Amino acid sequence: MTKTKAFFFTITFLAVIFGVKAQSKSTETGFTSLFNGTNLEGWVGNKESYKAQDGMIVIDPQGGGGGNLYTEKEYGNFILHFEFKLTPGANNGLGIHAPLEGDAAYVGKELQILDNTADKYAELEVYQYHGSVYGVIPAKRGFLNPVGEWNQQTVIVNHPKIQVIVNGTTILEGDYLEASKDGTLDHKDHPGLERSSGHIGFLGHGDVVYFKDIRIKEL
């Protein structure tokens, strides 16, 4: 084989390989994208703080300071994939089975999205760190990428069981009804634990956080 033919063979081979990888992610069997990369069509809530920018959903504190952004559609059991990037000290949350009104951490369920390494969070309760079912089940720590790098997260919900996987490691797995049968860790009422469906949302606290590649498979 000549050098020229070998060169074009190598380029073609690489193009095919990378093309397959890119396609496999976008056409993953049974998954539907929740974010079109261009605008917030399909979402409701605070569209001043949350903006579509460069293929990401970005929380801009200048747009109102936080608030919540929810899917228009309600979901029950599902597998949710998304990527997120934190800024120093960032605090957000992933709401599931939530109504559109009220504090999703109690009337639905909230999974923490948090910069665990920030000094100001050094003395939080165990159920307040990243990936925890807020107030109910604590997640393992130490599996987030350094602040400023992208993280991959998968949330699998099969009411009342839940699993959270961050960067390939399961950091939480449990049954939130079983975990709360003798009372919750934060000693508060969480009526939303009984809910088996509702909206999925990002729960802002005025910090800059980036999200992309948000896709879901209903079970």
N, C-alpha and C. Protein backbone atom coordinates (compact mmCIF):
# COMPACT_ATOMS: atom_id res chain seq x y z
N MET A 1 0.85 -1.20 0.00
CA MET A 1 0.00 0.00 0.00
C MET A 1 0.89 1.25 0.00
N THR A 2 0.59 2.20 -0.87
CA THR A 2 1.39 3.41 -0.93
C THR A 2 1.13 4.28 0.29
N LYS A 3 2.05 5.23 0.53
CA LYS A 3 1.88 6.14 1.66
C LYS A 3 0.60 6.94 1.53
N THR A 4 0.29 7.36 0.27
CA THR A 4 -0.92 8.16 0.05
C THR A 4 -2.17 7.36 0.38
N LYS A 5 -2.21 6.09 -0.10
CA LYS A 5 -3.37 5.26 0.17
C LYS A 5 -3.49 4.95 1.67
N ALA A 6 -2.33 4.72 2.31
CA ALA A 6 -2.34 4.44 3.74
C ALA A 6 -2.87 5.63 4.52
N PHE A 7 -2.49 6.83 4.10
CA PHE A 7 -2.94 8.05 4.76
C PHE A 7 -4.46 8.19 4.68
N PHE A 8 -5.00 8.01 3.46
CA PHE A 8 -6.44 8.15 3.28
C PHE A 8 -7.20 7.03 3.97
N PHE A 9 -6.61 5.83 4.04
CA PHE A 9 -7.24 4.73 4.77
C PHE A 9 -7.34 5.05 6.26
N THR A 10 -6.26 5.62 6.81
CA THR A 10 -6.25 5.98 8.22
C THR A 10 -7.29 7.04 8.53
N ILE A 11 -7.35 8.08 7.67
CA ILE A 11 -8.31 9.17 7.88
C ILE A 11 -9.73 8.64 7.81
N THR A 12 -10.01 7.78 6.81
CA THR A 12 -11.36 7.23 6.66
C THR A 12 -11.74 6.38 7.85
N PHE A 13 -10.79 5.56 8.32
CA PHE A 13 -11.04 4.68 9.46
C PHE A 13 -11.37 5.50 10.70
N LEU A 14 -10.58 6.55 10.95
CA LEU A 14 -10.83 7.40 12.12
C LEU A 14 -12.16 8.10 12.01
N ALA A 15 -12.51 8.55 10.81
CA ALA A 15 -13.79 9.25 10.62
C ALA A 15 -14.95 8.32 10.93
N VAL A 16 -14.83 7.07 10.49
CA VAL A 16 -15.89 6.11 10.75
C VAL A 16 -16.02 5.84 12.25
N ILE A 17 -14.86 5.62 12.91
CA ILE A 17 -14.88 5.32 14.35
C ILE A 17 -15.49 6.46 15.15
N PHE A 18 -15.03 7.69 14.89
CA PHE A 18 -15.55 8.83 15.64
C PHE A 18 -17.00 9.10 15.29
N GLY A 19 -17.38 8.85 14.03
CA GLY A 19 -18.76 9.03 13.63
C GLY A 19 -19.69 8.08 14.35
N VAL A 20 -19.25 6.82 14.50
CA VAL A 20 -20.05 5.83 15.21
C VAL A 20 -20.21 6.23 16.67
N LYS A 21 -19.12 6.69 17.31
CA LYS A 21 -19.19 7.10 18.71
C LYS A 21 -20.17 8.24 18.89
N ALA A 22 -20.09 9.24 18.02
CA ALA A 22 -20.97 10.40 18.13
C ALA A 22 -22.42 9.99 17.93
N GLN A 23 -22.64 9.13 16.94
CA GLN A 23 -24.01 8.73 16.64
C GLN A 23 -24.60 7.87 17.76
N SER A 24 -23.77 7.00 18.35
CA SER A 24 -24.27 6.09 19.38
C SER A 24 -24.79 6.86 20.58
N LYS A 25 -24.18 8.00 20.87
CA LYS A 25 -24.63 8.80 22.01
C LYS A 25 -25.95 9.48 21.71
N SER A 26 -26.10 10.00 20.48
CA SER A 26 -27.29 10.77 20.15
C SER A 26 -28.48 9.88 19.83
N THR A 27 -28.24 8.62 19.47
CA THR A 27 -29.35 7.74 19.11
C THR A 27 -29.45 6.56 20.07
N GLU A 28 -29.00 6.76 21.30
CA GLU A 28 -29.04 5.71 22.30
C GLU A 28 -30.46 5.16 22.40
N THR A 29 -30.59 3.85 22.35
CA THR A 29 -31.89 3.20 22.23
C THR A 29 -32.85 3.62 23.34
N GLY A 30 -33.99 4.15 22.92
CA GLY A 30 -35.05 4.46 23.86
C GLY A 30 -34.94 5.80 24.56
N PHE A 31 -33.85 6.53 24.33
CA PHE A 31 -33.67 7.81 25.01
C PHE A 31 -34.19 8.98 24.16
N THR A 32 -34.74 9.96 24.85
CA THR A 32 -35.24 11.18 24.23
C THR A 32 -34.51 12.37 24.81
N SER A 33 -34.08 13.28 23.97
CA SER A 33 -33.39 14.48 24.45
C SER A 33 -34.39 15.43 25.10
N LEU A 34 -34.03 15.97 26.26
CA LEU A 34 -34.88 16.95 26.94
C LEU A 34 -34.49 18.38 26.62
N PHE A 35 -33.36 18.55 25.95
CA PHE A 35 -32.86 19.90 25.64
C PHE A 35 -32.36 19.90 24.20
N ASN A 36 -32.92 20.80 23.40
CA ASN A 36 -32.58 20.82 21.97
C ASN A 36 -31.28 21.56 21.67
N GLY A 37 -30.65 22.12 22.69
CA GLY A 37 -29.37 22.79 22.51
C GLY A 37 -29.47 24.22 22.02
N THR A 38 -30.68 24.66 21.69
CA THR A 38 -30.87 25.98 21.09
C THR A 38 -31.71 26.91 21.94
N ASN A 39 -32.81 26.37 22.49
CA ASN A 39 -33.70 27.20 23.31
C ASN A 39 -34.33 26.33 24.39
N LEU A 40 -35.18 26.93 25.20
CA LEU A 40 -35.77 26.22 26.33
C LEU A 40 -37.18 25.72 26.02
N GLU A 41 -37.41 25.38 24.77
CA GLU A 41 -38.68 24.77 24.39
C GLU A 41 -38.83 23.43 25.14
N GLY A 42 -40.01 23.21 25.73
CA GLY A 42 -40.23 22.00 26.50
C GLY A 42 -39.96 22.17 27.98
N TRP A 43 -39.55 23.38 28.36
CA TRP A 43 -39.27 23.67 29.76
C TRP A 43 -40.15 24.83 30.23
N VAL A 44 -40.46 24.84 31.52
CA VAL A 44 -41.25 25.94 32.09
C VAL A 44 -40.57 26.40 33.38
N GLY A 45 -40.87 27.62 33.77
CA GLY A 45 -40.30 28.14 35.01
C GLY A 45 -39.48 29.39 34.76
N ASN A 46 -38.39 29.53 35.47
CA ASN A 46 -37.58 30.74 35.42
C ASN A 46 -36.69 30.74 34.18
N LYS A 47 -37.17 31.37 33.13
CA LYS A 47 -36.41 31.45 31.88
C LYS A 47 -35.63 32.76 31.79
N GLU A 48 -35.53 33.46 32.90
CA GLU A 48 -34.66 34.62 32.97
C GLU A 48 -33.30 34.22 33.52
N SER A 49 -33.31 33.40 34.58
CA SER A 49 -32.04 32.94 35.15
C SER A 49 -31.44 31.81 34.33
N TYR A 50 -32.29 30.94 33.79
CA TYR A 50 -31.82 29.81 32.98
C TYR A 50 -31.89 30.19 31.51
N LYS A 51 -30.76 29.98 30.82
CA LYS A 51 -30.69 30.37 29.42
C LYS A 51 -30.03 29.28 28.59
N ALA A 52 -30.47 29.17 27.34
CA ALA A 52 -29.80 28.28 26.39
C ALA A 52 -28.64 29.04 25.78
N GLN A 53 -27.44 28.47 25.89
CA GLN A 53 -26.25 29.18 25.42
C GLN A 53 -25.19 28.16 24.99
N ASP A 54 -24.78 28.25 23.72
CA ASP A 54 -23.69 27.40 23.20
C ASP A 54 -23.94 25.92 23.46
N GLY A 55 -25.18 25.48 23.26
CA GLY A 55 -25.51 24.08 23.43
C GLY A 55 -25.65 23.64 24.87
N MET A 56 -25.75 24.59 25.79
CA MET A 56 -25.87 24.28 27.22
C MET A 56 -27.05 25.04 27.82
N ILE A 57 -27.55 24.53 28.94
CA ILE A 57 -28.42 25.32 29.80
C ILE A 57 -27.53 25.94 30.87
N VAL A 58 -27.53 27.26 30.93
CA VAL A 58 -26.64 27.99 31.83
C VAL A 58 -27.48 28.80 32.81
N ILE A 59 -27.12 28.74 34.08
CA ILE A 59 -27.79 29.55 35.08
C ILE A 59 -27.03 30.85 35.22
N ASP A 60 -27.71 31.94 34.95
CA ASP A 60 -27.11 33.26 35.00
C ASP A 60 -27.71 34.02 36.18
N PRO A 61 -26.96 34.22 37.27
CA PRO A 61 -27.51 34.92 38.43
C PRO A 61 -28.03 36.32 38.10
N GLN A 62 -27.49 36.93 37.05
CA GLN A 62 -27.96 38.26 36.68
C GLN A 62 -29.37 38.23 36.12
N GLY A 63 -29.84 37.03 35.78
CA GLY A 63 -31.18 36.91 35.21
C GLY A 63 -32.28 36.76 36.25
N GLY A 64 -31.96 36.88 37.52
CA GLY A 64 -33.00 36.80 38.53
C GLY A 64 -32.56 36.09 39.79
N GLY A 65 -31.37 35.52 39.79
CA GLY A 65 -30.81 35.00 41.02
C GLY A 65 -31.01 33.54 41.30
N GLY A 66 -31.74 32.82 40.47
CA GLY A 66 -31.92 31.40 40.75
C GLY A 66 -33.26 30.91 40.28
N GLY A 67 -34.01 30.30 41.18
CA GLY A 67 -35.31 29.78 40.80
C GLY A 67 -35.21 28.43 40.13
N ASN A 68 -36.34 27.95 39.67
CA ASN A 68 -36.43 26.59 39.14
C ASN A 68 -36.82 26.56 37.67
N LEU A 69 -36.31 25.56 36.99
CA LEU A 69 -36.67 25.31 35.60
C LEU A 69 -37.11 23.86 35.50
N TYR A 70 -38.35 23.62 35.05
CA TYR A 70 -38.91 22.28 35.03
C TYR A 70 -39.26 21.83 33.61
N THR A 71 -39.26 20.52 33.43
CA THR A 71 -39.78 19.97 32.18
C THR A 71 -41.29 20.21 32.14
N GLU A 72 -41.80 20.48 30.95
CA GLU A 72 -43.26 20.60 30.81
C GLU A 72 -43.94 19.28 31.12
N LYS A 73 -43.32 18.21 30.71
CA LYS A 73 -43.89 16.88 30.87
C LYS A 73 -43.56 16.30 32.24
N GLU A 74 -44.44 15.44 32.73
CA GLU A 74 -44.20 14.73 33.98
C GLU A 74 -43.66 13.33 33.68
N TYR A 75 -42.82 12.84 34.59
CA TYR A 75 -42.19 11.53 34.42
C TYR A 75 -42.33 10.71 35.70
N GLY A 76 -42.46 9.40 35.52
CA GLY A 76 -42.56 8.49 36.65
C GLY A 76 -41.25 7.76 36.87
N ASN A 77 -41.14 6.55 36.34
CA ASN A 77 -39.89 5.80 36.41
C ASN A 77 -39.07 6.09 35.16
N PHE A 78 -37.77 6.26 35.34
CA PHE A 78 -36.94 6.68 34.21
C PHE A 78 -35.46 6.47 34.48
N ILE A 79 -34.70 6.56 33.38
CA ILE A 79 -33.24 6.69 33.44
C ILE A 79 -32.92 8.05 32.86
N LEU A 80 -32.25 8.89 33.61
CA LEU A 80 -31.89 10.24 33.16
C LEU A 80 -30.38 10.36 33.08
N HIS A 81 -29.89 10.78 31.93
CA HIS A 81 -28.47 11.08 31.76
C HIS A 81 -28.32 12.59 31.58
N PHE A 82 -27.30 13.17 32.17
CA PHE A 82 -26.96 14.57 31.88
C PHE A 82 -25.52 14.83 32.27
N GLU A 83 -24.99 15.92 31.76
CA GLU A 83 -23.65 16.36 32.14
C GLU A 83 -23.78 17.73 32.80
N PHE A 84 -22.92 17.98 33.78
CA PHE A 84 -22.96 19.27 34.47
C PHE A 84 -21.55 19.72 34.79
N LYS A 85 -21.40 21.03 34.85
CA LYS A 85 -20.12 21.64 35.22
C LYS A 85 -20.38 22.67 36.31
N LEU A 86 -19.65 22.53 37.41
CA LEU A 86 -19.81 23.42 38.55
C LEU A 86 -18.83 24.57 38.49
N THR A 87 -19.18 25.65 39.15
CA THR A 87 -18.26 26.75 39.42
C THR A 87 -17.98 26.73 40.92
N PRO A 88 -16.91 27.39 41.39
CA PRO A 88 -16.55 27.31 42.82
C PRO A 88 -17.71 27.68 43.74
N GLY A 89 -18.02 26.77 44.66
CA GLY A 89 -19.08 27.01 45.64
C GLY A 89 -20.49 26.86 45.10
N ALA A 90 -20.64 26.31 43.90
CA ALA A 90 -21.96 26.25 43.27
C ALA A 90 -22.91 25.31 44.02
N ASN A 91 -24.18 25.71 44.04
CA ASN A 91 -25.24 24.95 44.70
C ASN A 91 -26.45 24.96 43.78
N ASN A 92 -26.96 23.77 43.46
CA ASN A 92 -28.15 23.62 42.64
C ASN A 92 -28.82 22.34 43.08
N GLY A 93 -29.80 21.89 42.35
CA GLY A 93 -30.46 20.64 42.71
C GLY A 93 -31.18 20.07 41.51
N LEU A 94 -31.41 18.77 41.55
CA LEU A 94 -32.21 18.11 40.53
C LEU A 94 -33.52 17.69 41.19
N GLY A 95 -34.61 18.30 40.77
CA GLY A 95 -35.91 17.93 41.29
C GLY A 95 -36.51 16.79 40.48
N ILE A 96 -37.10 15.82 41.16
CA ILE A 96 -37.81 14.74 40.48
C ILE A 96 -39.17 14.55 41.15
N HIS A 97 -40.13 14.03 40.36
CA HIS A 97 -41.48 13.78 40.86
C HIS A 97 -42.07 15.04 41.50
N ALA A 98 -41.72 16.19 40.97
CA ALA A 98 -42.09 17.46 41.61
C ALA A 98 -43.32 18.09 40.97
N PRO A 99 -44.16 18.72 41.78
CA PRO A 99 -45.19 19.60 41.22
C PRO A 99 -44.53 20.92 40.84
N LEU A 100 -45.28 21.79 40.21
CA LEU A 100 -44.69 23.06 39.79
C LEU A 100 -44.70 24.11 40.89
N GLU A 101 -45.38 23.84 41.97
CA GLU A 101 -45.45 24.78 43.08
C GLU A 101 -44.89 24.13 44.34
N GLY A 102 -44.31 24.93 45.21
CA GLY A 102 -43.79 24.43 46.47
C GLY A 102 -42.32 24.09 46.39
N ASP A 103 -41.72 23.74 47.52
CA ASP A 103 -40.31 23.40 47.60
C ASP A 103 -40.13 21.96 47.17
N ALA A 104 -39.47 21.77 46.03
CA ALA A 104 -39.35 20.43 45.44
C ALA A 104 -38.66 19.44 46.38
N ALA A 105 -37.81 19.92 47.29
CA ALA A 105 -37.11 19.03 48.22
C ALA A 105 -38.09 18.31 49.15
N TYR A 106 -39.30 18.88 49.30
CA TYR A 106 -40.28 18.31 50.23
C TYR A 106 -41.55 17.85 49.53
N VAL A 107 -42.04 18.64 48.59
CA VAL A 107 -43.27 18.25 47.88
C VAL A 107 -42.96 17.31 46.72
N GLY A 108 -41.69 17.21 46.36
CA GLY A 108 -41.20 16.21 45.41
C GLY A 108 -39.99 15.57 46.06
N LYS A 109 -38.92 15.45 45.30
CA LYS A 109 -37.64 14.98 45.86
C LYS A 109 -36.54 15.82 45.21
N GLU A 110 -35.51 16.11 45.96
CA GLU A 110 -34.38 16.87 45.41
C GLU A 110 -33.09 16.07 45.58
N LEU A 111 -32.36 15.95 44.49
CA LEU A 111 -31.01 15.39 44.52
C LEU A 111 -30.04 16.55 44.47
N GLN A 112 -29.16 16.62 45.44
CA GLN A 112 -28.24 17.74 45.53
C GLN A 112 -27.30 17.81 44.32
N ILE A 113 -27.04 19.02 43.87
CA ILE A 113 -25.98 19.32 42.90
C ILE A 113 -25.12 20.38 43.58
N LEU A 114 -23.89 20.01 43.95
CA LEU A 114 -23.13 20.86 44.87
C LEU A 114 -21.63 20.68 44.67
N ASP A 115 -20.91 21.78 44.85
CA ASP A 115 -19.45 21.73 44.91
C ASP A 115 -19.05 21.24 46.30
N ASN A 116 -18.87 19.95 46.44
CA ASN A 116 -18.55 19.37 47.75
C ASN A 116 -17.25 19.90 48.35
N THR A 117 -16.37 20.43 47.49
CA THR A 117 -15.04 20.82 47.96
C THR A 117 -14.98 22.24 48.53
N ALA A 118 -16.04 22.99 48.40
CA ALA A 118 -16.02 24.38 48.86
C ALA A 118 -15.91 24.46 50.38
N ASP A 119 -15.05 25.33 50.86
CA ASP A 119 -14.85 25.49 52.30
C ASP A 119 -16.15 25.81 53.03
N LYS A 120 -17.00 26.59 52.40
CA LYS A 120 -18.24 27.01 53.08
C LYS A 120 -19.20 25.85 53.30
N TYR A 121 -18.95 24.71 52.61
CA TYR A 121 -19.81 23.55 52.78
C TYR A 121 -19.15 22.45 53.62
N ALA A 122 -18.07 22.77 54.29
CA ALA A 122 -17.29 21.74 55.00
C ALA A 122 -18.07 21.09 56.14
N GLU A 123 -19.06 21.79 56.69
CA GLU A 123 -19.76 21.25 57.86
C GLU A 123 -21.24 21.04 57.60
N LEU A 124 -21.58 20.70 56.38
CA LEU A 124 -22.98 20.39 56.07
C LEU A 124 -23.37 19.05 56.69
N GLU A 125 -24.67 18.80 56.73
CA GLU A 125 -25.15 17.49 57.12
C GLU A 125 -24.85 16.50 55.99
N VAL A 126 -24.74 15.22 56.31
CA VAL A 126 -24.35 14.23 55.31
C VAL A 126 -25.34 14.16 54.15
N TYR A 127 -26.60 14.49 54.41
CA TYR A 127 -27.64 14.40 53.37
C TYR A 127 -27.69 15.66 52.49
N GLN A 128 -26.73 16.57 52.65
CA GLN A 128 -26.73 17.80 51.86
C GLN A 128 -25.66 17.81 50.77
N TYR A 129 -24.83 16.78 50.70
CA TYR A 129 -23.76 16.77 49.70
C TYR A 129 -24.25 16.22 48.37
N HIS A 130 -23.43 16.41 47.36
CA HIS A 130 -23.82 16.11 45.98
C HIS A 130 -24.37 14.69 45.83
N GLY A 131 -25.50 14.60 45.14
CA GLY A 131 -26.11 13.32 44.82
C GLY A 131 -27.06 12.80 45.87
N SER A 132 -27.05 13.40 47.07
CA SER A 132 -27.93 12.94 48.14
C SER A 132 -29.40 13.24 47.81
N VAL A 133 -30.29 12.34 48.27
CA VAL A 133 -31.71 12.67 48.29
C VAL A 133 -31.88 13.58 49.51
N TYR A 134 -32.10 14.85 49.25
CA TYR A 134 -32.02 15.86 50.31
C TYR A 134 -32.88 15.49 51.51
N GLY A 135 -32.22 15.44 52.67
CA GLY A 135 -32.92 15.19 53.91
C GLY A 135 -33.23 13.74 54.19
N VAL A 136 -32.90 12.84 53.24
CA VAL A 136 -33.37 11.46 53.34
C VAL A 136 -32.26 10.42 53.23
N ILE A 137 -31.51 10.45 52.14
CA ILE A 137 -30.45 9.45 51.92
C ILE A 137 -29.15 10.17 51.54
N PRO A 138 -28.08 9.96 52.28
CA PRO A 138 -26.79 10.59 51.94
C PRO A 138 -26.08 9.85 50.81
N ALA A 139 -25.33 10.59 50.02
CA ALA A 139 -24.54 10.00 48.93
C ALA A 139 -23.07 9.93 49.33
N LYS A 140 -22.35 9.04 48.67
CA LYS A 140 -20.91 8.96 48.87
C LYS A 140 -20.25 10.19 48.27
N ARG A 141 -19.15 10.60 48.87
CA ARG A 141 -18.41 11.76 48.36
C ARG A 141 -17.07 11.33 47.77
N GLY A 142 -16.49 12.23 46.96
CA GLY A 142 -15.16 11.98 46.42
C GLY A 142 -15.12 11.55 44.97
N PHE A 143 -16.23 11.67 44.26
CA PHE A 143 -16.28 11.16 42.89
C PHE A 143 -16.58 12.24 41.85
N LEU A 144 -16.67 13.49 42.28
CA LEU A 144 -16.82 14.61 41.35
C LEU A 144 -15.48 14.94 40.72
N ASN A 145 -15.50 15.36 39.47
CA ASN A 145 -14.30 15.87 38.83
C ASN A 145 -13.98 17.25 39.41
N PRO A 146 -12.74 17.72 39.26
CA PRO A 146 -12.40 19.05 39.77
C PRO A 146 -13.36 20.13 39.24
N VAL A 147 -13.63 21.10 40.08
CA VAL A 147 -14.52 22.20 39.70
C VAL A 147 -14.03 22.82 38.39
N GLY A 148 -14.97 23.04 37.47
CA GLY A 148 -14.63 23.58 36.17
C GLY A 148 -14.54 22.52 35.09
N GLU A 149 -14.56 21.25 35.48
CA GLU A 149 -14.57 20.15 34.52
C GLU A 149 -15.97 19.55 34.45
N TRP A 150 -16.28 18.94 33.31
CA TRP A 150 -17.59 18.33 33.14
C TRP A 150 -17.69 17.02 33.92
N ASN A 151 -18.87 16.78 34.47
CA ASN A 151 -19.21 15.53 35.14
C ASN A 151 -20.37 14.87 34.41
N GLN A 152 -20.39 13.56 34.41
CA GLN A 152 -21.51 12.80 33.85
C GLN A 152 -22.31 12.19 35.00
N GLN A 153 -23.63 12.33 34.92
CA GLN A 153 -24.48 11.78 35.98
C GLN A 153 -25.65 11.02 35.37
N THR A 154 -25.96 9.89 35.97
CA THR A 154 -27.12 9.10 35.61
C THR A 154 -27.97 8.90 36.85
N VAL A 155 -29.27 9.12 36.71
CA VAL A 155 -30.22 8.90 37.79
C VAL A 155 -31.24 7.87 37.31
N ILE A 156 -31.36 6.79 38.05
CA ILE A 156 -32.31 5.73 37.71
C ILE A 156 -33.37 5.69 38.80
N VAL A 157 -34.62 5.91 38.41
CA VAL A 157 -35.73 5.92 39.36
C VAL A 157 -36.72 4.84 39.00
N ASN A 158 -37.00 3.96 39.96
CA ASN A 158 -38.04 2.95 39.84
C ASN A 158 -38.76 2.96 41.18
N HIS A 159 -39.65 3.91 41.32
CA HIS A 159 -40.31 4.23 42.59
C HIS A 159 -40.63 2.99 43.40
N PRO A 160 -40.15 2.95 44.67
CA PRO A 160 -39.45 3.99 45.44
C PRO A 160 -37.92 3.81 45.47
N LYS A 161 -37.39 3.10 44.52
CA LYS A 161 -35.95 2.87 44.50
C LYS A 161 -35.26 3.90 43.61
N ILE A 162 -34.04 4.25 43.99
CA ILE A 162 -33.30 5.25 43.24
C ILE A 162 -31.80 4.92 43.26
N GLN A 163 -31.15 5.23 42.16
CA GLN A 163 -29.70 5.04 42.04
C GLN A 163 -29.11 6.27 41.37
N VAL A 164 -27.99 6.73 41.88
CA VAL A 164 -27.29 7.89 41.31
C VAL A 164 -25.87 7.47 40.98
N ILE A 165 -25.48 7.66 39.73
CA ILE A 165 -24.15 7.29 39.26
C ILE A 165 -23.45 8.56 38.78
N VAL A 166 -22.27 8.84 39.30
CA VAL A 166 -21.49 10.02 38.91
C VAL A 166 -20.14 9.57 38.37
N ASN A 167 -19.87 9.95 37.16
CA ASN A 167 -18.58 9.63 36.52
C ASN A 167 -18.26 8.14 36.63
N GLY A 168 -19.30 7.32 36.46
CA GLY A 168 -19.12 5.88 36.42
C GLY A 168 -19.19 5.16 37.75
N THR A 169 -19.35 5.89 38.85
CA THR A 169 -19.41 5.27 40.17
C THR A 169 -20.78 5.51 40.81
N THR A 170 -21.38 4.46 41.33
CA THR A 170 -22.65 4.60 42.05
C THR A 170 -22.37 5.26 43.40
N ILE A 171 -22.94 6.45 43.58
CA ILE A 171 -22.73 7.17 44.84
C ILE A 171 -23.94 7.10 45.76
N LEU A 172 -25.06 6.63 45.23
CA LEU A 172 -26.26 6.48 46.05
C LEU A 172 -27.13 5.38 45.46
N GLU A 173 -27.64 4.53 46.33
CA GLU A 173 -28.58 3.49 45.90
C GLU A 173 -29.43 3.14 47.10
N GLY A 174 -30.74 3.27 46.94
CA GLY A 174 -31.60 2.99 48.07
C GLY A 174 -33.07 3.09 47.74
N ASP A 175 -33.87 2.98 48.79
CA ASP A 175 -35.32 3.05 48.72
C ASP A 175 -35.73 4.20 49.64
N TYR A 176 -36.22 5.29 49.06
CA TYR A 176 -36.47 6.48 49.89
C TYR A 176 -37.66 6.30 50.83
N LEU A 177 -38.59 5.44 50.50
CA LEU A 177 -39.67 5.18 51.44
C LEU A 177 -39.18 4.32 52.61
N GLU A 178 -38.37 3.33 52.31
CA GLU A 178 -37.80 2.50 53.36
C GLU A 178 -36.88 3.33 54.26
N ALA A 179 -36.08 4.21 53.63
CA ALA A 179 -35.13 5.01 54.38
C ALA A 179 -35.81 5.99 55.33
N SER A 180 -37.05 6.36 55.02
CA SER A 180 -37.75 7.37 55.82
C SER A 180 -38.85 6.80 56.70
N LYS A 181 -38.97 5.48 56.76
CA LYS A 181 -40.11 4.89 57.48
C LYS A 181 -40.08 5.20 58.98
N ASP A 182 -38.89 5.41 59.53
CA ASP A 182 -38.78 5.77 60.94
C ASP A 182 -38.45 7.24 61.13
N GLY A 183 -38.69 8.03 60.08
CA GLY A 183 -38.39 9.45 60.12
C GLY A 183 -37.24 9.80 59.19
N THR A 184 -37.23 11.02 58.70
CA THR A 184 -36.19 11.46 57.79
C THR A 184 -34.97 11.96 58.55
N LEU A 185 -33.83 12.03 57.86
CA LEU A 185 -32.60 12.48 58.50
C LEU A 185 -32.67 13.94 58.94
N ASP A 186 -33.43 14.75 58.18
CA ASP A 186 -33.54 16.16 58.57
C ASP A 186 -34.73 16.43 59.49
N HIS A 187 -35.43 15.36 59.89
CA HIS A 187 -36.54 15.45 60.85
C HIS A 187 -37.66 16.36 60.35
N LYS A 188 -37.83 16.40 59.04
CA LYS A 188 -38.90 17.20 58.44
C LYS A 188 -39.83 16.30 57.64
N ASP A 189 -41.04 16.82 57.40
CA ASP A 189 -42.00 16.07 56.60
C ASP A 189 -41.62 16.15 55.12
N HIS A 190 -41.65 15.02 54.45
CA HIS A 190 -41.37 14.94 53.02
C HIS A 190 -42.52 14.22 52.32
N PRO A 191 -43.67 14.86 52.20
CA PRO A 191 -44.81 14.19 51.56
C PRO A 191 -44.53 13.78 50.12
N GLY A 192 -43.58 14.46 49.48
CA GLY A 192 -43.25 14.15 48.10
C GLY A 192 -42.61 12.78 47.91
N LEU A 193 -42.15 12.16 48.99
CA LEU A 193 -41.57 10.83 48.87
C LEU A 193 -42.61 9.83 48.38
N GLU A 194 -43.87 10.10 48.64
CA GLU A 194 -44.94 9.21 48.20
C GLU A 194 -45.29 9.38 46.73
N ARG A 195 -44.89 10.50 46.16
CA ARG A 195 -45.22 10.76 44.75
C ARG A 195 -44.44 9.82 43.84
N SER A 196 -45.12 9.29 42.84
CA SER A 196 -44.48 8.37 41.90
C SER A 196 -44.31 8.98 40.51
N SER A 197 -44.70 10.24 40.36
CA SER A 197 -44.48 10.94 39.08
C SER A 197 -44.51 12.43 39.32
N GLY A 198 -44.02 13.16 38.36
CA GLY A 198 -43.99 14.62 38.45
C GLY A 198 -42.97 15.19 37.49
N HIS A 199 -42.69 16.46 37.64
CA HIS A 199 -41.76 17.16 36.75
C HIS A 199 -40.31 16.92 37.18
N ILE A 200 -39.40 17.02 36.23
CA ILE A 200 -37.96 17.01 36.49
C ILE A 200 -37.48 18.45 36.36
N GLY A 201 -36.64 18.89 37.26
CA GLY A 201 -36.22 20.28 37.18
C GLY A 201 -34.86 20.54 37.79
N PHE A 202 -34.31 21.70 37.42
CA PHE A 202 -33.10 22.19 38.04
C PHE A 202 -33.50 23.27 39.05
N LEU A 203 -32.95 23.17 40.24
CA LEU A 203 -33.38 24.00 41.37
C LEU A 203 -32.25 24.93 41.75
N GLY A 204 -32.34 26.16 41.33
CA GLY A 204 -31.23 27.09 41.45
C GLY A 204 -31.17 27.83 42.77
N HIS A 205 -29.94 28.24 43.11
CA HIS A 205 -29.70 29.03 44.32
C HIS A 205 -28.85 30.26 44.00
N GLY A 206 -28.88 30.70 42.74
CA GLY A 206 -28.16 31.91 42.37
C GLY A 206 -26.72 31.69 41.98
N ASP A 207 -26.29 30.43 41.80
CA ASP A 207 -24.91 30.14 41.42
C ASP A 207 -24.85 29.69 39.96
N VAL A 208 -23.71 29.94 39.33
CA VAL A 208 -23.54 29.57 37.92
C VAL A 208 -23.25 28.07 37.82
N VAL A 209 -24.09 27.37 37.08
CA VAL A 209 -23.92 25.94 36.80
C VAL A 209 -24.27 25.72 35.34
N TYR A 210 -23.60 24.76 34.71
CA TYR A 210 -23.81 24.47 33.30
C TYR A 210 -24.34 23.04 33.15
N PHE A 211 -25.32 22.86 32.26
CA PHE A 211 -25.87 21.53 31.98
C PHE A 211 -25.90 21.31 30.47
N LYS A 212 -25.69 20.06 30.07
CA LYS A 212 -25.81 19.72 28.64
C LYS A 212 -26.12 18.23 28.51
N ASP A 213 -26.41 17.82 27.27
CA ASP A 213 -26.65 16.42 26.92
C ASP A 213 -27.64 15.77 27.89
N ILE A 214 -28.81 16.39 28.02
CA ILE A 214 -29.84 15.92 28.96
C ILE A 214 -30.79 15.02 28.19
N ARG A 215 -30.85 13.74 28.58
CA ARG A 215 -31.71 12.81 27.86
C ARG A 215 -32.31 11.80 28.82
N ILE A 216 -33.47 11.27 28.43
CA ILE A 216 -34.24 10.44 29.35
C ILE A 216 -34.82 9.23 28.63
N LYS A 217 -34.94 8.16 29.38
CA LYS A 217 -35.62 6.96 28.91
C LYS A 217 -36.65 6.58 29.94
N GLU A 218 -37.92 6.56 29.55
CA GLU A 218 -38.98 6.19 30.48
C GLU A 218 -39.03 4.68 30.63
N LEU A 219 -39.25 4.24 31.85
CA LEU A 219 -39.29 2.81 32.17
C LEU A 219 -40.73 2.34 32.39
